[in-house]
Protein backbone atom coordinates (compact mmCIF):
# COMPACT_ATOMS: atom_id res chain seq x y z
CA MET A 1 10.38 102.46 -125.70
CA TYR A 2 13.70 101.28 -127.51
CA LEU A 3 13.18 101.01 -131.00
CA SER A 4 14.55 96.69 -130.57
CA TYR A 5 10.83 96.29 -129.36
CA LEU A 6 9.17 98.15 -132.32
CA THR A 7 11.62 95.76 -134.67
CA SER A 8 10.69 92.65 -132.66
CA LEU A 9 7.08 93.27 -132.27
CA GLY A 10 7.54 94.08 -136.37
CA PHE A 11 8.97 90.38 -137.02
CA PHE A 12 6.04 88.70 -134.98
CA VAL A 13 3.48 91.19 -136.60
CA ASN A 14 5.44 89.71 -140.05
CA GLY A 15 5.72 86.03 -139.19
CA ALA A 16 2.12 86.16 -138.70
CA ILE A 17 1.16 87.29 -141.23
CA GLU A 18 3.88 84.92 -143.39
CA THR A 19 1.45 82.16 -141.66
CA GLY A 20 -2.00 83.10 -142.97
CA LYS A 21 -3.31 82.13 -140.41
CA TYR A 22 -4.43 85.38 -139.25
CA ASP A 23 -5.70 86.95 -142.47
CA HIS A 24 -9.58 86.81 -140.61
CA ILE A 25 -8.04 89.65 -139.03
CA THR A 26 -9.49 92.95 -140.13
CA ILE A 27 -8.82 96.72 -140.01
CA GLU A 28 -12.07 97.27 -137.88
CA GLU A 29 -11.27 94.66 -135.19
CA VAL A 30 -7.82 95.88 -134.62
CA LYS A 31 -9.01 99.58 -134.70
CA THR A 32 -11.77 98.15 -131.92
CA GLN A 33 -8.74 96.88 -130.47
CA ILE A 34 -7.03 99.80 -130.11
CA ARG A 35 -9.90 102.30 -129.55
CA ASP A 36 -10.52 99.82 -126.26
CA TYR A 37 -6.69 100.30 -125.33
CA ASN A 38 -6.41 96.62 -125.46
CA LEU A 39 -4.49 95.50 -128.49
CA PHE A 40 -1.65 93.65 -127.27
CA GLU A 41 -3.96 91.38 -124.52
CA TYR A 42 -5.87 90.52 -128.12
CA LEU A 43 -3.14 89.97 -130.30
CA GLU A 44 -1.31 87.71 -127.42
CA LYS A 45 -4.90 85.87 -127.73
CA LYS A 46 -5.16 85.85 -130.93
CA LEU A 47 -1.19 85.00 -132.30
CA SER A 48 -0.55 82.88 -129.21
CA ASP A 49 2.55 81.35 -129.49
CA ASP A 50 2.88 83.84 -132.61
CA ILE A 51 3.86 86.89 -130.35
CA ASP A 52 6.25 87.53 -127.73
CA VAL A 53 5.37 91.02 -126.09
CA SER A 54 7.43 90.10 -122.47
CA LEU A 55 10.22 92.82 -123.18
CA TRP A 56 7.53 95.07 -122.73
CA SER A 57 6.07 97.09 -119.63
CA GLU A 58 2.60 98.37 -119.28
CA GLU A 59 3.57 101.67 -119.71
CA GLU A 60 5.57 101.21 -123.03
CA LYS A 61 2.34 99.34 -124.28
CA HIS A 62 0.09 102.01 -123.12
CA GLU A 63 1.85 104.37 -124.61
CA ILE A 64 2.21 103.09 -128.29
CA ASN A 65 -1.76 102.13 -128.13
CA GLN A 66 -2.20 105.75 -127.69
CA GLU A 67 -0.04 106.67 -130.69
CA TRP A 68 -1.61 104.37 -132.45
CA GLU A 69 -4.85 105.72 -131.66
CA ASN A 70 -3.87 109.14 -132.77
CA LEU A 71 -3.36 106.90 -135.99
CA LEU A 72 -7.01 105.77 -136.70
CA CYS A 73 -8.52 108.62 -138.29
CA ILE A 74 -5.73 108.44 -140.84
CA ASN A 75 -7.11 106.92 -144.29
CA GLU A 76 -4.97 103.49 -143.96
CA SER A 77 -5.73 102.97 -147.55
CA LYS A 78 -3.97 106.30 -149.05
CA LYS A 79 -1.15 106.59 -146.59
CA PHE A 80 -0.20 103.04 -145.36
CA CYS A 81 -1.66 101.15 -148.81
CA VAL A 82 -3.42 98.19 -146.58
CA GLU A 83 -7.49 97.72 -147.34
CA LYS A 84 -8.12 94.35 -146.16
CA LYS A 85 -5.84 92.89 -143.29
CA GLY A 86 -5.66 93.82 -139.80
CA LEU A 87 -2.21 92.38 -138.98
CA ALA A 88 -0.83 94.29 -142.55
CA LEU A 89 -2.40 97.83 -140.80
CA ILE A 90 -0.45 97.37 -137.52
CA MET A 91 2.52 95.97 -139.69
CA ALA A 92 2.27 99.82 -141.65
CA TYR A 93 1.90 101.45 -137.64
CA ILE A 94 4.88 99.97 -136.78
CA LEU A 95 7.13 101.00 -139.43
CA GLU A 96 5.30 104.41 -138.98
CA SER A 97 6.26 104.58 -134.99
CA ILE A 98 10.17 103.94 -136.18
CA GLN A 99 9.84 106.72 -138.55
CA ARG A 100 8.65 108.83 -135.76
CA ARG A 101 11.31 107.79 -133.93
CA TYR A 102 14.14 107.92 -136.11
CA ARG A 103 13.27 111.61 -137.59
CA LYS A 104 13.80 113.09 -133.24
């Protein structure tokens, strides 16, 4: 997976956060979608024209979903400074994924 895919996703998520239209998406809602391996479909449905994940293959979506599933046990408040907004949690996961790949 290219880092540019993660950064592109980050820009879309950041833009969606900026609009304020998605403040109702909760952390638990996002975690459920990750557990169900349905996050990308969920984001496309909820964010509609505010997101584009067309570059991502199904394998890449599965890979990142699996990676983020492993992050669910982390206390997001302490590690990622996120307490309320689901999209903020996704943004934190994107940053964590970029950080992990940069270290390699």
